[in-house]
């Protein structure tokens, strides 16, 4: 497990955890969120899962959850967004194949 975060507070990058295979350094999973968010977005979480395909670890599932909240004297908006995308059917052409 590797923790990553921006080195400066003003960076607009990602922070989170990466799960990496120790023997091959293949990424198996990333759990992350933007380091800085607009004021209406709260509690963002993104997960990217990988699986082996023809000997390569490739993305197989992405999920994102976030809360949107807008409050000016009273709450005007409160929504929970959830997205999931599945990747499959990879067809890789390797250098030694015609």
C-alpha atoms as a PDB file:
ATOM      1  CA  UNK A   1       0.000   0.000   0.000  1.00  0.00           C
ATOM      2  CA  UNK A   2       1.374   3.407  -1.015  1.00  0.00           C
ATOM      3  CA  UNK A   3      -0.050   6.707   0.197  1.00  0.00           C
ATOM      4  CA  UNK A   4       0.211   9.649  -2.208  1.00  0.00           C
ATOM      5  CA  UNK A   5      -0.547  13.350  -1.800  1.00  0.00           C
ATOM      6  CA  UNK A   6       0.456  16.716  -3.314  1.00  0.00           C
ATOM      7  CA  UNK A   7       3.680  18.198  -1.981  1.00  0.00           C
ATOM      8  CA  UNK A   8       2.244  21.735  -1.819  1.00  0.00           C
ATOM      9  CA  UNK A   9      -1.117  22.822  -0.413  1.00  0.00           C
ATOM     10  CA  UNK A  10      -1.954  24.846  -3.555  1.00  0.00           C
ATOM     11  CA  UNK A  11      -1.499  21.892  -5.949  1.00  0.00           C
ATOM     12  CA  UNK A  12      -4.668  20.694  -7.661  1.00  0.00           C
ATOM     13  CA  UNK A  13      -3.689  17.074  -7.772  1.00  0.00           C
ATOM     14  CA  UNK A  14      -4.888  13.817  -6.240  1.00  0.00           C
ATOM     15  CA  UNK A  15      -4.406  12.275  -2.821  1.00  0.00           C
ATOM     16  CA  UNK A  16      -5.107   8.708  -1.855  1.00  0.00           C
ATOM     17  CA  UNK A  17      -3.860   5.144  -1.636  1.00  0.00           C
ATOM     18  CA  UNK A  18      -2.385   2.846  -4.241  1.00  0.00           C
ATOM     19  CA  UNK A  19      -2.239  -0.922  -3.857  1.00  0.00           C
ATOM     20  CA  UNK A  20       0.770  -2.293  -5.726  1.00  0.00           C
ATOM     21  CA  UNK A  21       2.099  -5.854  -6.101  1.00  0.00           C
ATOM     22  CA  UNK A  22       5.472  -5.928  -4.314  1.00  0.00           C
ATOM     23  CA  UNK A  23       7.121  -8.446  -6.669  1.00  0.00           C
ATOM     24  CA  UNK A  24       6.161  -6.779  -9.975  1.00  0.00           C
ATOM     25  CA  UNK A  25       5.070  -3.204  -9.087  1.00  0.00           C
ATOM     26  CA  UNK A  26       1.765  -3.758 -10.911  1.00  0.00           C
ATOM     27  CA  UNK A  27      -0.999  -1.421  -9.736  1.00  0.00           C
ATOM     28  CA  UNK A  28      -3.993  -3.407  -8.464  1.00  0.00           C
ATOM     29  CA  UNK A  29      -6.188  -0.631  -7.033  1.00  0.00           C
ATOM     30  CA  UNK A  30      -6.254   3.143  -6.590  1.00  0.00           C
ATOM     31  CA  UNK A  31      -8.452   4.908  -4.031  1.00  0.00           C
ATOM     32  CA  UNK A  32      -8.240   8.662  -4.474  1.00  0.00           C
ATOM     33  CA  UNK A  33      -9.901  12.064  -4.398  1.00  0.00           C
ATOM     34  CA  UNK A  34      -8.950  15.543  -5.592  1.00  0.00           C
ATOM     35  CA  UNK A  35      -6.668  17.364  -3.167  1.00  0.00           C
ATOM     36  CA  UNK A  36      -8.813  20.502  -3.439  1.00  0.00           C
ATOM     37  CA  UNK A  37     -12.528  20.612  -4.218  1.00  0.00           C
ATOM     38  CA  UNK A  38     -14.968  23.397  -5.125  1.00  0.00           C
ATOM     39  CA  UNK A  39     -17.009  24.472  -2.085  1.00  0.00           C
ATOM     40  CA  UNK A  40     -20.172  22.680  -3.307  1.00  0.00           C
ATOM     41  CA  UNK A  41     -18.509  19.247  -3.511  1.00  0.00           C
ATOM     42  CA  UNK A  42     -17.991  17.221  -0.333  1.00  0.00           C
ATOM     43  CA  UNK A  43     -16.811  13.711   0.537  1.00  0.00           C
ATOM     44  CA  UNK A  44     -15.513  12.654  -2.866  1.00  0.00           C
ATOM     45  CA  UNK A  45     -14.165   9.130  -3.296  1.00  0.00           C
ATOM     46  CA  UNK A  46     -12.938   7.487  -6.490  1.00  0.00           C
ATOM     47  CA  UNK A  47     -11.775   3.885  -6.869  1.00  0.00           C
ATOM     48  CA  UNK A  48     -10.071   2.345  -9.881  1.00  0.00           C
ATOM     49  CA  UNK A  49      -9.660  -1.452  -9.757  1.00  0.00           C
ATOM     50  CA  UNK A  50      -7.277  -3.346 -12.027  1.00  0.00           C
ATOM     51  CA  UNK A  51      -7.130  -7.000 -13.112  1.00  0.00           C
ATOM     52  CA  UNK A  52      -4.697  -9.036 -15.208  1.00  0.00           C
ATOM     53  CA  UNK A  53      -5.460  -9.194 -18.941  1.00  0.00           C
ATOM     54  CA  UNK A  54      -3.028 -11.095 -21.165  1.00  0.00           C
ATOM     55  CA  UNK A  55      -0.335 -10.619 -18.522  1.00  0.00           C
ATOM     56  CA  UNK A  56      -0.926  -6.865 -18.064  1.00  0.00           C
ATOM     57  CA  UNK A  57      -2.827  -5.268 -15.152  1.00  0.00           C
ATOM     58  CA  UNK A  58      -5.497  -3.048 -16.778  1.00  0.00           C
ATOM     59  CA  UNK A  59      -8.446  -1.074 -15.367  1.00  0.00           C
ATOM     60  CA  UNK A  60     -11.568  -3.197 -14.890  1.00  0.00           C
ATOM     61  CA  UNK A  61     -13.850  -0.972 -12.760  1.00  0.00           C
ATOM     62  CA  UNK A  62     -14.137   2.707 -11.860  1.00  0.00           C
ATOM     63  CA  UNK A  63     -16.487   4.045  -9.215  1.00  0.00           C
ATOM     64  CA  UNK A  64     -17.028   7.572  -7.947  1.00  0.00           C
ATOM     65  CA  UNK A  65     -19.129   8.878  -5.092  1.00  0.00           C
ATOM     66  CA  UNK A  66     -19.586  12.515  -4.149  1.00  0.00           C
ATOM     67  CA  UNK A  67     -21.888  14.732  -2.169  1.00  0.00           C
ATOM     68  CA  UNK A  68     -23.017  18.048  -3.620  1.00  0.00           C
ATOM     69  CA  UNK A  69     -24.150  20.632  -1.126  1.00  0.00           C
ATOM     70  CA  UNK A  70     -25.038  24.288  -1.599  1.00  0.00           C
ATOM     71  CA  UNK A  71     -25.985  26.306   1.436  1.00  0.00           C
ATOM     72  CA  UNK A  72     -26.684  30.040   1.593  1.00  0.00           C
ATOM     73  CA  UNK A  73     -28.498  30.760   4.875  1.00  0.00           C
ATOM     74  CA  UNK A  74     -30.396  27.527   4.257  1.00  0.00           C
ATOM     75  CA  UNK A  75     -29.634  24.394   2.289  1.00  0.00           C
ATOM     76  CA  UNK A  76     -30.516  24.872  -1.385  1.00  0.00           C
ATOM     77  CA  UNK A  77     -29.077  21.650  -2.761  1.00  0.00           C
ATOM     78  CA  UNK A  78     -28.027  18.303  -1.322  1.00  0.00           C
ATOM     79  CA  UNK A  79     -27.408  15.417  -3.717  1.00  0.00           C
ATOM     80  CA  UNK A  80     -25.400  12.199  -3.587  1.00  0.00           C
ATOM     81  CA  UNK A  81     -23.908  11.171  -6.933  1.00  0.00           C
ATOM     82  CA  UNK A  82     -22.655   7.647  -7.601  1.00  0.00           C
ATOM     83  CA  UNK A  83     -21.130   6.467 -10.861  1.00  0.00           C
ATOM     84  CA  UNK A  84     -19.771   3.047 -11.748  1.00  0.00           C
ATOM     85  CA  UNK A  85     -18.142   2.053 -15.008  1.00  0.00           C
ATOM     86  CA  UNK A  86     -16.896  -1.423 -15.969  1.00  0.00           C
ATOM     87  CA  UNK A  87     -14.143  -2.025 -18.514  1.00  0.00           C
ATOM     88  CA  UNK A  88     -13.831  -5.346 -20.328  1.00  0.00           C
ATOM     89  CA  UNK A  89     -13.265  -6.879 -23.736  1.00  0.00           C
ATOM     90  CA  UNK A  90      -9.679  -5.721 -24.062  1.00  0.00           C
ATOM     91  CA  UNK A  91      -7.947  -6.958 -27.204  1.00  0.00           C
ATOM     92  CA  UNK A  92      -4.235  -6.362 -27.030  1.00  0.00           C
ATOM     93  CA  UNK A  93      -1.950  -6.671 -30.021  1.00  0.00           C
ATOM     94  CA  UNK A  94       1.504  -7.561 -28.774  1.00  0.00           C
ATOM     95  CA  UNK A  95       4.686  -6.801 -30.767  1.00  0.00           C
ATOM     96  CA  UNK A  96       5.290 -10.458 -31.612  1.00  0.00           C
ATOM     97  CA  UNK A  97       1.787 -10.993 -33.040  1.00  0.00           C
ATOM     98  CA  UNK A  98       0.871 -10.409 -36.730  1.00  0.00           C
END
